[in-house]
Amino acid sequence: EPSDMSGVLLAPGLVHLTFETILGERRTRHSSIWRKGDGAAGWRMYYH
């Protein structure tokens, strides 16, 4: 159950997301970096 998801473009083809999740009784804060690939690859998670 995600909440407070937001993101910022760090550079062309590079996005940083932050958010929280609840899974059962566990709450977790997340940070991920998404990188845009060439052609059909599209956006992919690079770091989490």
All heavy atoms as atom14 arrays in JSON, in Angstrom:
{
  "sequence": "EPSDMSGVLLAPGLVHLTFETILGERRTRHSSIWRKGDGAAGWRMYYH",
  "atom14_mask": [
    [1, 1, 1, 1, 1, 1, 1, 1, 1, 0, 0, 0, 0, 0],
    [1, 1, 1, 1, 1, 1, 1, 0, 0, 0, 0, 0, 0, 0],
    [1, 1, 1, 1, 1, 1, 0, 0, 0, 0, 0, 0, 0, 0],
    [1, 1, 1, 1, 1, 1, 1, 1, 0, 0, 0, 0, 0, 0],
    [1, 1, 1, 1, 1, 1, 1, 1, 0, 0, 0, 0, 0, 0],
    [1, 1, 1, 1, 1, 1, 0, 0, 0, 0, 0, 0, 0, 0],
    [1, 1, 1, 1, 0, 0, 0, 0, 0, 0, 0, 0, 0, 0],
    [1, 1, 1, 1, 1, 1, 1, 0, 0, 0, 0, 0, 0, 0],
    [1, 1, 1, 1, 1, 1, 1, 1, 0, 0, 0, 0, 0, 0],
    [1, 1, 1, 1, 1, 1, 1, 1, 0, 0, 0, 0, 0, 0],
    [1, 1, 1, 1, 1, 0, 0, 0, 0, 0, 0, 0, 0, 0],
    [1, 1, 1, 1, 1, 1, 1, 0, 0, 0, 0, 0, 0, 0],
    [1, 1, 1, 1, 0, 0, 0, 0, 0, 0, 0, 0, 0, 0],
    [1, 1, 1, 1, 1, 1, 1, 1, 0, 0, 0, 0, 0, 0],
    [1, 1, 1, 1, 1, 1, 1, 0, 0, 0, 0, 0, 0, 0],
    [1, 1, 1, 1, 1, 1, 1, 1, 1, 1, 0, 0, 0, 0],
    [1, 1, 1, 1, 1, 1, 1, 1, 0, 0, 0, 0, 0, 0],
    [1, 1, 1, 1, 1, 1, 1, 0, 0, 0, 0, 0, 0, 0],
    [1, 1, 1, 1, 1, 1, 1, 1, 1, 1, 1, 0, 0, 0],
    [1, 1, 1, 1, 1, 1, 1, 1, 1, 0, 0, 0, 0, 0],
    [1, 1, 1, 1, 1, 1, 1, 0, 0, 0, 0, 0, 0, 0],
    [1, 1, 1, 1, 1, 1, 1, 1, 0, 0, 0, 0, 0, 0],
    [1, 1, 1, 1, 1, 1, 1, 1, 0, 0, 0, 0, 0, 0],
    [1, 1, 1, 1, 0, 0, 0, 0, 0, 0, 0, 0, 0, 0],
    [1, 1, 1, 1, 1, 1, 1, 1, 1, 0, 0, 0, 0, 0],
    [1, 1, 1, 1, 1, 1, 1, 1, 1, 1, 1, 0, 0, 0],
    [1, 1, 1, 1, 1, 1, 1, 1, 1, 1, 1, 0, 0, 0],
    [1, 1, 1, 1, 1, 1, 1, 0, 0, 0, 0, 0, 0, 0],
    [1, 1, 1, 1, 1, 1, 1, 1, 1, 1, 1, 0, 0, 0],
    [1, 1, 1, 1, 1, 1, 1, 1, 1, 1, 0, 0, 0, 0],
    [1, 1, 1, 1, 1, 1, 0, 0, 0, 0, 0, 0, 0, 0],
    [1, 1, 1, 1, 1, 1, 0, 0, 0, 0, 0, 0, 0, 0],
    [1, 1, 1, 1, 1, 1, 1, 1, 0, 0, 0, 0, 0, 0],
    [1, 1, 1, 1, 1, 1, 1, 1, 1, 1, 1, 1, 1, 1],
    [1, 1, 1, 1, 1, 1, 1, 1, 1, 1, 1, 0, 0, 0],
    [1, 1, 1, 1, 1, 1, 1, 1, 1, 0, 0, 0, 0, 0],
    [1, 1, 1, 1, 0, 0, 0, 0, 0, 0, 0, 0, 0, 0],
    [1, 1, 1, 1, 1, 1, 1, 1, 0, 0, 0, 0, 0, 0],
    [1, 1, 1, 1, 0, 0, 0, 0, 0, 0, 0, 0, 0, 0],
    [1, 1, 1, 1, 1, 0, 0, 0, 0, 0, 0, 0, 0, 0],
    [1, 1, 1, 1, 1, 0, 0, 0, 0, 0, 0, 0, 0, 0],
    [1, 1, 1, 1, 0, 0, 0, 0, 0, 0, 0, 0, 0, 0],
    [1, 1, 1, 1, 1, 1, 1, 1, 1, 1, 1, 1, 1, 1],
    [1, 1, 1, 1, 1, 1, 1, 1, 1, 1, 1, 0, 0, 0],
    [1, 1, 1, 1, 1, 1, 1, 1, 0, 0, 0, 0, 0, 0],
    [1, 1, 1, 1, 1, 1, 1, 1, 1, 1, 1, 1, 0, 0],
    [1, 1, 1, 1, 1, 1, 1, 1, 1, 1, 1, 1, 0, 0],
    [1, 1, 1, 1, 1, 1, 1, 1, 1, 1, 0, 0, 0, 0]
  ],
  "atom14_positions": [
    [[0.87, -1.17, 0.0], [0.0, 0.0, 0.0], [0.91, 1.23, 0.0], [1.4, 1.63, 1.05], [-0.9, 0.0, 1.23], [-1.82, -1.2, 1.31], [-2.59, -1.24, 2.61], [-2.93, -0.15, 3.16], [-2.84, -2.35, 3.1], [0.0, 0.0, 0.0], [0.0, 0.0, 0.0], [0.0, 0.0, 0.0], [0.0, 0.0, 0.0], [0.0, 0.0, 0.0]],
    [[1.17, 1.81, -1.18], [2.07, 2.97, -1.25], [1.37, 4.27, -0.84], [0.16, 4.4, -0.97], [2.47, 3.01, -2.73], [1.31, 2.42, -3.44], [0.72, 1.38, -2.51], [0.0, 0.0, 0.0], [0.0, 0.0, 0.0], [0.0, 0.0, 0.0], [0.0, 0.0, 0.0], [0.0, 0.0, 0.0], [0.0, 0.0, 0.0], [0.0, 0.0, 0.0]],
    [[2.18, 5.2, -0.34], [1.67, 6.54, -0.02], [2.78, 7.56, -0.18], [3.96, 7.21, -0.2], [1.12, 6.58, 1.42], [2.15, 6.35, 2.35], [0.0, 0.0, 0.0], [0.0, 0.0, 0.0], [0.0, 0.0, 0.0], [0.0, 0.0, 0.0], [0.0, 0.0, 0.0], [0.0, 0.0, 0.0], [0.0, 0.0, 0.0], [0.0, 0.0, 0.0]],
    [[2.37, 8.81, -0.3], [3.31, 9.94, -0.38], [4.36, 9.77, -1.47], [5.51, 10.17, -1.28], [4.0, 10.17, 0.98], [3.01, 10.48, 2.09], [2.02, 11.18, 1.81], [3.22, 10.01, 3.22], [0.0, 0.0, 0.0], [0.0, 0.0, 0.0], [0.0, 0.0, 0.0], [0.0, 0.0, 0.0], [0.0, 0.0, 0.0], [0.0, 0.0, 0.0]],
    [[3.97, 9.19, -2.6], [4.93, 8.97, -3.68], [5.15, 10.28, -4.43], [4.21, 10.93, -4.84], [4.45, 7.88, -4.64], [5.55, 7.42, -5.59], [5.09, 6.0, -6.6], [5.09, 4.68, -5.4], [0.0, 0.0, 0.0], [0.0, 0.0, 0.0], [0.0, 0.0, 0.0], [0.0, 0.0, 0.0], [0.0, 0.0, 0.0], [0.0, 0.0, 0.0]],
    [[6.42, 10.64, -4.56], [6.76, 11.84, -5.33], [8.09, 11.6, -6.02], [8.84, 10.69, -5.68], [6.84, 13.06, -4.42], [7.88, 12.92, -3.49], [0.0, 0.0, 0.0], [0.0, 0.0, 0.0], [0.0, 0.0, 0.0], [0.0, 0.0, 0.0], [0.0, 0.0, 0.0], [0.0, 0.0, 0.0], [0.0, 0.0, 0.0], [0.0, 0.0, 0.0]],
    [[8.34, 12.43, -7.02], [9.57, 12.25, -7.77], [10.09, 13.56, -8.31], [9.39, 14.57, -8.35], [0.0, 0.0, 0.0], [0.0, 0.0, 0.0], [0.0, 0.0, 0.0], [0.0, 0.0, 0.0], [0.0, 0.0, 0.0], [0.0, 0.0, 0.0], [0.0, 0.0, 0.0], [0.0, 0.0, 0.0], [0.0, 0.0, 0.0], [0.0, 0.0, 0.0]],
    [[11.36, 13.51, -8.71], [12.01, 14.67, -9.29], [12.92, 14.19, -10.42], [13.55, 13.13, -10.32], [12.8, 15.46, -8.22], [13.9, 14.64, -7.6], [13.33, 16.75, -8.77], [0.0, 0.0, 0.0], [0.0, 0.0, 0.0], [0.0, 0.0, 0.0], [0.0, 0.0, 0.0], [0.0, 0.0, 0.0], [0.0, 0.0, 0.0], [0.0, 0.0, 0.0]],
    [[12.95, 14.95, -11.48], [13.86, 14.67, -12.6], [15.23, 15.18, -12.2], [15.42, 16.38, -11.99], [13.35, 15.36, -13.87], [14.16, 15.1, -15.14], [14.02, 13.64, -15.57], [13.69, 16.04, -16.25], [0.0, 0.0, 0.0], [0.0, 0.0, 0.0], [0.0, 0.0, 0.0], [0.0, 0.0, 0.0], [0.0, 0.0, 0.0], [0.0, 0.0, 0.0]],
    [[16.21, 14.28, -12.05], [17.57, 14.66, -11.67], [18.37, 15.16, -12.86], [19.21, 16.05, -12.74], [18.3, 13.48, -11.03], [17.71, 12.93, -9.73], [18.47, 11.69, -9.29], [17.71, 14.0, -8.65], [0.0, 0.0, 0.0], [0.0, 0.0, 0.0], [0.0, 0.0, 0.0], [0.0, 0.0, 0.0], [0.0, 0.0, 0.0], [0.0, 0.0, 0.0]],
    [[18.14, 14.53, -14.0], [18.82, 14.85, -15.25], [18.01, 14.19, -16.35], [17.16, 13.34, -16.06], [20.25, 14.3, -15.23], [0.0, 0.0, 0.0], [0.0, 0.0, 0.0], [0.0, 0.0, 0.0], [0.0, 0.0, 0.0], [0.0, 0.0, 0.0], [0.0, 0.0, 0.0], [0.0, 0.0, 0.0], [0.0, 0.0, 0.0], [0.0, 0.0, 0.0]],
    [[18.23, 14.55, -17.6], [17.48, 13.86, -18.66], [17.64, 12.34, -18.55], [18.76, 11.83, -18.45], [18.1, 14.39, -19.94], [18.63, 15.74, -19.56], [19.12, 15.58, -18.14], [0.0, 0.0, 0.0], [0.0, 0.0, 0.0], [0.0, 0.0, 0.0], [0.0, 0.0, 0.0], [0.0, 0.0, 0.0], [0.0, 0.0, 0.0], [0.0, 0.0, 0.0]],
    [[16.51, 11.65, -18.48], [16.53, 10.19, -18.4], [16.84, 9.63, -17.03], [17.13, 8.44, -16.89], [0.0, 0.0, 0.0], [0.0, 0.0, 0.0], [0.0, 0.0, 0.0], [0.0, 0.0, 0.0], [0.0, 0.0, 0.0], [0.0, 0.0, 0.0], [0.0, 0.0, 0.0], [0.0, 0.0, 0.0], [0.0, 0.0, 0.0], [0.0, 0.0, 0.0]],
    [[16.75, 10.45, -15.96], [17.07, 9.99, -14.61], [16.09, 10.61, -13.61], [16.05, 11.83, -13.43], [18.5, 10.41, -14.26], [19.21, 9.66, -13.16], [19.37, 8.18, -13.51], [20.58, 10.29, -12.92], [0.0, 0.0, 0.0], [0.0, 0.0, 0.0], [0.0, 0.0, 0.0], [0.0, 0.0, 0.0], [0.0, 0.0, 0.0], [0.0, 0.0, 0.0]],
    [[15.28, 9.75, -12.96], [14.24, 10.2, -12.03], [14.49, 9.58, -10.66], [14.79, 8.39, -10.56], [12.83, 9.81, -12.54], [11.77, 10.02, -11.47], [12.49, 10.6, -13.79], [0.0, 0.0, 0.0], [0.0, 0.0, 0.0], [0.0, 0.0, 0.0], [0.0, 0.0, 0.0], [0.0, 0.0, 0.0], [0.0, 0.0, 0.0], [0.0, 0.0, 0.0]],
    [[14.33, 10.39, -9.61], [14.43, 9.91, -8.23], [13.03, 9.92, -7.61], [12.35, 10.96, -7.63], [15.37, 10.81, -7.43], [15.49, 10.41, -5.99], [15.45, 11.33, -4.97], [15.66, 9.21, -5.41], [15.59, 10.7, -3.82], [15.71, 9.41, -4.06], [0.0, 0.0, 0.0], [0.0, 0.0, 0.0], [0.0, 0.0, 0.0], [0.0, 0.0, 0.0]],
    [[12.6, 8.77, -7.08], [11.3, 8.66, -6.42], [11.5, 8.4, -4.93], [12.44, 7.7, -4.54], [10.49, 7.49, -6.99], [10.12, 7.54, -8.46], [9.31, 6.29, -8.82], [9.35, 8.8, -8.8], [0.0, 0.0, 0.0], [0.0, 0.0, 0.0], [0.0, 0.0, 0.0], [0.0, 0.0, 0.0], [0.0, 0.0, 0.0], [0.0, 0.0, 0.0]],
    [[10.6, 8.94, -4.12], [10.56, 8.62, -2.69], [9.1, 8.34, -2.33], [8.18, 8.94, -2.9], [11.09, 9.77, -1.81], [10.35, 10.95, -2.07], [12.57, 10.0, -2.06], [0.0, 0.0, 0.0], [0.0, 0.0, 0.0], [0.0, 0.0, 0.0], [0.0, 0.0, 0.0], [0.0, 0.0, 0.0], [0.0, 0.0, 0.0], [0.0, 0.0, 0.0]],
    [[8.91, 7.43, -1.38], [7.55, 7.07, -0.95], [7.63, 6.16, 0.26], [8.71, 5.73, 0.67], [6.8, 6.37, -2.09], [7.46, 5.14, -2.63], [7.07, 3.87, -2.2], [8.48, 5.23, -3.56], [7.68, 2.73, -2.71], [9.09, 4.1, -4.07], [8.7, 2.85, -3.64], [0.0, 0.0, 0.0], [0.0, 0.0, 0.0], [0.0, 0.0, 0.0]],
    [[6.47, 5.9, 0.83], [6.34, 4.94, 1.92], [5.41, 3.82, 1.47], [4.56, 4.02, 0.61], [5.75, 5.59, 3.17], [6.7, 6.56, 3.84], [6.21, 7.01, 5.21], [5.21, 6.47, 5.74], [6.85, 7.92, 5.76], [0.0, 0.0, 0.0], [0.0, 0.0, 0.0], [0.0, 0.0, 0.0], [0.0, 0.0, 0.0], [0.0, 0.0, 0.0]],
    [[5.59, 2.65, 2.07], [4.65, 1.56, 1.85], [4.3, 0.92, 3.18], [5.05, 1.0, 4.16], [5.23, 0.44, 0.94], [6.38, -0.13, 1.57], [5.56, 0.96, -0.44], [0.0, 0.0, 0.0], [0.0, 0.0, 0.0], [0.0, 0.0, 0.0], [0.0, 0.0, 0.0], [0.0, 0.0, 0.0], [0.0, 0.0, 0.0], [0.0, 0.0, 0.0]],
    [[3.14, 0.29, 3.17], [2.74, -0.59, 4.26], [2.5, -1.94, 3.62], [1.84, -2.05, 2.59], [1.47, -0.07, 4.97], [1.78, 1.26, 5.66], [0.95, -1.11, 5.96], [0.58, 1.91, 6.32], [0.0, 0.0, 0.0], [0.0, 0.0, 0.0], [0.0, 0.0, 0.0], [0.0, 0.0, 0.0], [0.0, 0.0, 0.0], [0.0, 0.0, 0.0]],
    [[3.06, -2.96, 4.24], [2.85, -4.34, 3.8], [2.56, -5.14, 5.06], [3.47, -5.37, 5.87], [4.07, -4.9, 3.07], [3.95, -6.33, 2.58], [2.93, -6.42, 1.44], [5.29, -6.86, 2.13], [0.0, 0.0, 0.0], [0.0, 0.0, 0.0], [0.0, 0.0, 0.0], [0.0, 0.0, 0.0], [0.0, 0.0, 0.0], [0.0, 0.0, 0.0]],
    [[1.31, -5.49, 5.25], [0.92, -6.12, 6.5], [1.08, -5.1, 7.62], [0.51, -4.02, 7.57], [0.0, 0.0, 0.0], [0.0, 0.0, 0.0], [0.0, 0.0, 0.0], [0.0, 0.0, 0.0], [0.0, 0.0, 0.0], [0.0, 0.0, 0.0], [0.0, 0.0, 0.0], [0.0, 0.0, 0.0], [0.0, 0.0, 0.0], [0.0, 0.0, 0.0]],
    [[1.9, -5.42, 8.6], [2.16, -4.51, 9.72], [3.45, -3.71, 9.55], [3.78, -2.89, 10.4], [2.25, -5.33, 11.03], [0.97, -6.05, 11.39], [-0.16, -5.08, 11.69], [0.07, -4.09, 12.4], [-1.28, -5.31, 11.17], [0.0, 0.0, 0.0], [0.0, 0.0, 0.0], [0.0, 0.0, 0.0], [0.0, 0.0, 0.0], [0.0, 0.0, 0.0]],
    [[4.16, -3.95, 8.45], [5.47, -3.32, 8.26], [5.36, -2.07, 7.4], [4.85, -2.1, 6.29], [6.44, -4.31, 7.62], [7.81, -3.74, 7.43], [8.8, -4.73, 6.9], [8.21, -5.72, 6.02], [8.91, -6.57, 5.31], [10.21, -6.58, 5.37], [8.31, -7.43, 4.53], [0.0, 0.0, 0.0], [0.0, 0.0, 0.0], [0.0, 0.0, 0.0]],
    [[5.89, -0.96, 7.94], [5.94, 0.3, 7.18], [7.4, 0.55, 6.8], [8.31, 0.37, 7.6], [5.41, 1.45, 8.03], [5.27, 2.73, 7.23], [4.39, 3.73, 7.95], [4.87, 4.07, 9.25], [5.38, 5.25, 9.59], [5.45, 6.21, 8.69], [5.79, 5.48, 10.81], [0.0, 0.0, 0.0], [0.0, 0.0, 0.0], [0.0, 0.0, 0.0]],
    [[7.58, 0.96, 5.56], [8.93, 1.13, 5.02], [9.01, 2.4, 4.2], [8.06, 2.75, 3.5], [9.28, -0.07, 4.1], [8.96, -1.28, 4.76], [10.75, -0.1, 3.76], [0.0, 0.0, 0.0], [0.0, 0.0, 0.0], [0.0, 0.0, 0.0], [0.0, 0.0, 0.0], [0.0, 0.0, 0.0], [0.0, 0.0, 0.0], [0.0, 0.0, 0.0]],
    [[10.15, 3.08, 4.28], [10.43, 4.24, 3.43], [11.32, 3.77, 2.29], [12.24, 2.97, 2.49], [11.09, 5.34, 4.22], [10.13, 5.96, 5.21], [10.6, 7.28, 5.74], [9.53, 7.85, 6.54], [9.71, 8.36, 7.74], [10.92, 8.41, 8.25], [8.69, 8.85, 8.4], [0.0, 0.0, 0.0], [0.0, 0.0, 0.0], [0.0, 0.0, 0.0]],
    [[11.04, 4.3, 1.1], [11.75, 3.86, -0.1], [12.33, 5.04, -0.86], [11.76, 6.12, -0.89], [10.78, 3.14, -1.05], [10.15, 1.93, -0.46], [10.6, 0.66, -0.69], [9.08, 1.82, 0.38], [9.84, -0.2, -0.03], [8.91, 0.48, 0.62], [0.0, 0.0, 0.0], [0.0, 0.0, 0.0], [0.0, 0.0, 0.0], [0.0, 0.0, 0.0]],
    [[13.44, 4.75, -1.52], [14.07, 5.69, -2.44], [14.51, 4.87, -3.64], [15.15, 3.83, -3.49], [15.28, 6.34, -1.77], [15.97, 7.19, -2.66], [0.0, 0.0, 0.0], [0.0, 0.0, 0.0], [0.0, 0.0, 0.0], [0.0, 0.0, 0.0], [0.0, 0.0, 0.0], [0.0, 0.0, 0.0], [0.0, 0.0, 0.0], [0.0, 0.0, 0.0]],
    [[14.13, 5.32, -4.83], [14.55, 4.59, -6.02], [14.95, 5.56, -7.12], [14.45, 6.68, -7.19], [13.45, 3.64, -6.51], [12.29, 4.35, -6.87], [0.0, 0.0, 0.0], [0.0, 0.0, 0.0], [0.0, 0.0, 0.0], [0.0, 0.0, 0.0], [0.0, 0.0, 0.0], [0.0, 0.0, 0.0], [0.0, 0.0, 0.0], [0.0, 0.0, 0.0]],
    [[15.85, 5.1, -7.94], [16.29, 5.87, -9.1], [15.92, 5.08, -10.33], [16.22, 3.89, -10.44], [17.8, 6.15, -9.05], [18.13, 7.01, -7.83], [18.26, 6.83, -10.35], [19.59, 7.28, -7.62], [0.0, 0.0, 0.0], [0.0, 0.0, 0.0], [0.0, 0.0, 0.0], [0.0, 0.0, 0.0], [0.0, 0.0, 0.0], [0.0, 0.0, 0.0]],
    [[15.23, 5.76, -11.25], [14.79, 5.16, -12.5], [15.57, 5.78, -13.64], [15.78, 6.99, -13.67], [13.29, 5.39, -12.69], [12.49, 4.51, -11.78], [12.31, 4.67, -10.44], [11.83, 3.32, -12.15], [11.55, 3.65, -9.95], [11.23, 2.81, -10.98], [11.66, 2.63, -13.35], [10.49, 1.63, -10.97], [10.91, 1.47, -13.34], [10.34, 0.98, -12.16]],
    [[16.01, 4.94, -14.56], [16.81, 5.38, -15.7], [16.1, 4.98, -16.99], [15.63, 3.86, -17.13], [18.19, 4.72, -15.62], [19.12, 5.1, -16.72], [20.55, 4.78, -16.38], [20.83, 3.34, -16.44], [22.06, 2.84, -16.36], [23.09, 3.63, -16.19], [22.24, 1.54, -16.42], [0.0, 0.0, 0.0], [0.0, 0.0, 0.0], [0.0, 0.0, 0.0]],
    [[16.05, 5.93, -17.92], [15.4, 5.66, -19.2], [16.4, 4.99, -20.13], [17.49, 5.51, -20.39], [14.88, 6.95, -19.83], [14.05, 6.69, -21.07], [13.41, 7.98, -21.56], [12.48, 7.66, -22.72], [11.78, 8.86, -23.16], [0.0, 0.0, 0.0], [0.0, 0.0, 0.0], [0.0, 0.0, 0.0], [0.0, 0.0, 0.0], [0.0, 0.0, 0.0]],
    [[16.0, 3.82, -20.64], [16.84, 3.08, -21.56], [16.65, 3.53, -22.99], [15.76, 4.33, -23.3], [0.0, 0.0, 0.0], [0.0, 0.0, 0.0], [0.0, 0.0, 0.0], [0.0, 0.0, 0.0], [0.0, 0.0, 0.0], [0.0, 0.0, 0.0], [0.0, 0.0, 0.0], [0.0, 0.0, 0.0], [0.0, 0.0, 0.0], [0.0, 0.0, 0.0]],
    [[17.47, 3.03, -23.86], [17.37, 3.33, -25.28], [16.23, 2.54, -25.91], [15.95, 1.4, -25.51], [18.67, 2.97, -26.0], [19.83, 3.84, -25.55], [19.57, 4.99, -25.15], [20.98, 3.37, -25.59], [0.0, 0.0, 0.0], [0.0, 0.0, 0.0], [0.0, 0.0, 0.0], [0.0, 0.0, 0.0], [0.0, 0.0, 0.0], [0.0, 0.0, 0.0]],
    [[15.59, 3.13, -26.89], [14.58, 2.42, -27.68], [13.43, 1.9, -26.86], [12.86, 2.6, -26.03], [0.0, 0.0, 0.0], [0.0, 0.0, 0.0], [0.0, 0.0, 0.0], [0.0, 0.0, 0.0], [0.0, 0.0, 0.0], [0.0, 0.0, 0.0], [0.0, 0.0, 0.0], [0.0, 0.0, 0.0], [0.0, 0.0, 0.0], [0.0, 0.0, 0.0]],
    [[13.11, 0.63, -27.04], [11.95, 0.02, -26.41], [12.16, -0.29, -24.93], [11.22, -0.65, -24.24], [11.57, -1.26, -27.15], [0.0, 0.0, 0.0], [0.0, 0.0, 0.0], [0.0, 0.0, 0.0], [0.0, 0.0, 0.0], [0.0, 0.0, 0.0], [0.0, 0.0, 0.0], [0.0, 0.0, 0.0], [0.0, 0.0, 0.0], [0.0, 0.0, 0.0]],
    [[13.39, -0.16, -24.44], [13.67, -0.51, -23.05], [12.84, 0.33, -22.08], [12.37, -0.16, -21.07], [15.16, -0.36, -22.74], [0.0, 0.0, 0.0], [0.0, 0.0, 0.0], [0.0, 0.0, 0.0], [0.0, 0.0, 0.0], [0.0, 0.0, 0.0], [0.0, 0.0, 0.0], [0.0, 0.0, 0.0], [0.0, 0.0, 0.0], [0.0, 0.0, 0.0]],
    [[12.63, 1.59, -22.4], [11.82, 2.45, -21.53], [12.46, 2.68, -20.18], [13.67, 2.51, -19.99], [0.0, 0.0, 0.0], [0.0, 0.0, 0.0], [0.0, 0.0, 0.0], [0.0, 0.0, 0.0], [0.0, 0.0, 0.0], [0.0, 0.0, 0.0], [0.0, 0.0, 0.0], [0.0, 0.0, 0.0], [0.0, 0.0, 0.0], [0.0, 0.0, 0.0]],
    [[11.63, 3.06, -19.22], [12.09, 3.37, -17.87], [12.3, 2.09, -17.07], [11.43, 1.22, -17.04], [11.08, 4.27, -17.18], [11.15, 5.67, -17.71], [10.41, 6.18, -18.74], [12.02, 6.7, -17.29], [10.77, 7.47, -18.97], [11.76, 7.83, -18.09], [13.0, 6.79, -16.31], [12.43, 9.03, -17.92], [13.67, 7.99, -16.14], [13.39, 9.1, -16.95]],
    [[13.45, 2.02, -16.4], [13.78, 0.86, -15.57], [14.39, 1.32, -14.25], [15.11, 2.32, -14.2], [14.79, -0.04, -16.28], [14.21, -0.74, -17.49], [15.24, -1.61, -18.13], [14.62, -2.55, -19.03], [15.25, -3.57, -19.57], [16.52, -3.79, -19.29], [14.63, -4.39, -20.38], [0.0, 0.0, 0.0], [0.0, 0.0, 0.0], [0.0, 0.0, 0.0]],
    [[14.09, 0.57, -13.2], [14.65, 0.88, -11.9], [16.14, 0.55, -11.89], [16.53, -0.59, -12.14], [13.94, 0.11, -10.79], [14.43, 0.47, -9.39], [13.69, -0.55, -8.1], [12.06, 0.15, -8.01], [0.0, 0.0, 0.0], [0.0, 0.0, 0.0], [0.0, 0.0, 0.0], [0.0, 0.0, 0.0], [0.0, 0.0, 0.0], [0.0, 0.0, 0.0]],
    [[16.95, 1.54, -11.58], [18.4, 1.41, -11.55], [18.9, 1.13, -10.12], [19.83, 0.38, -9.91], [19.02, 2.68, -12.11], [20.52, 2.75, -12.04], [21.3, 2.02, -12.92], [21.15, 3.55, -11.1], [22.68, 2.08, -12.85], [22.52, 3.62, -11.04], [23.29, 2.89, -11.91], [24.65, 2.95, -11.85], [0.0, 0.0, 0.0], [0.0, 0.0, 0.0]],
    [[18.26, 1.78, -9.15], [18.69, 1.65, -7.75], [17.47, 1.73, -6.85], [16.53, 2.48, -7.12], [19.66, 2.78, -7.39], [20.09, 2.76, -5.95], [21.1, 1.91, -5.51], [19.48, 3.57, -5.01], [21.48, 1.87, -4.18], [19.85, 3.55, -3.67], [20.85, 2.7, -3.26], [21.22, 2.66, -1.95], [0.0, 0.0, 0.0], [0.0, 0.0, 0.0]],
    [[17.5, 0.97, -5.75], [16.41, 1.0, -4.78], [16.97, 0.79, -3.39], [17.88, -0.02, -3.2], [15.38, -0.09, -5.09], [14.23, -0.08, -4.15], [14.05, -1.02, -3.18], [13.19, 0.78, -4.04], [12.95, -0.76, -2.51], [12.41, 0.34, -3.01], [0.0, 0.0, 0.0], [0.0, 0.0, 0.0], [0.0, 0.0, 0.0], [0.0, 0.0, 0.0]]
  ]
}
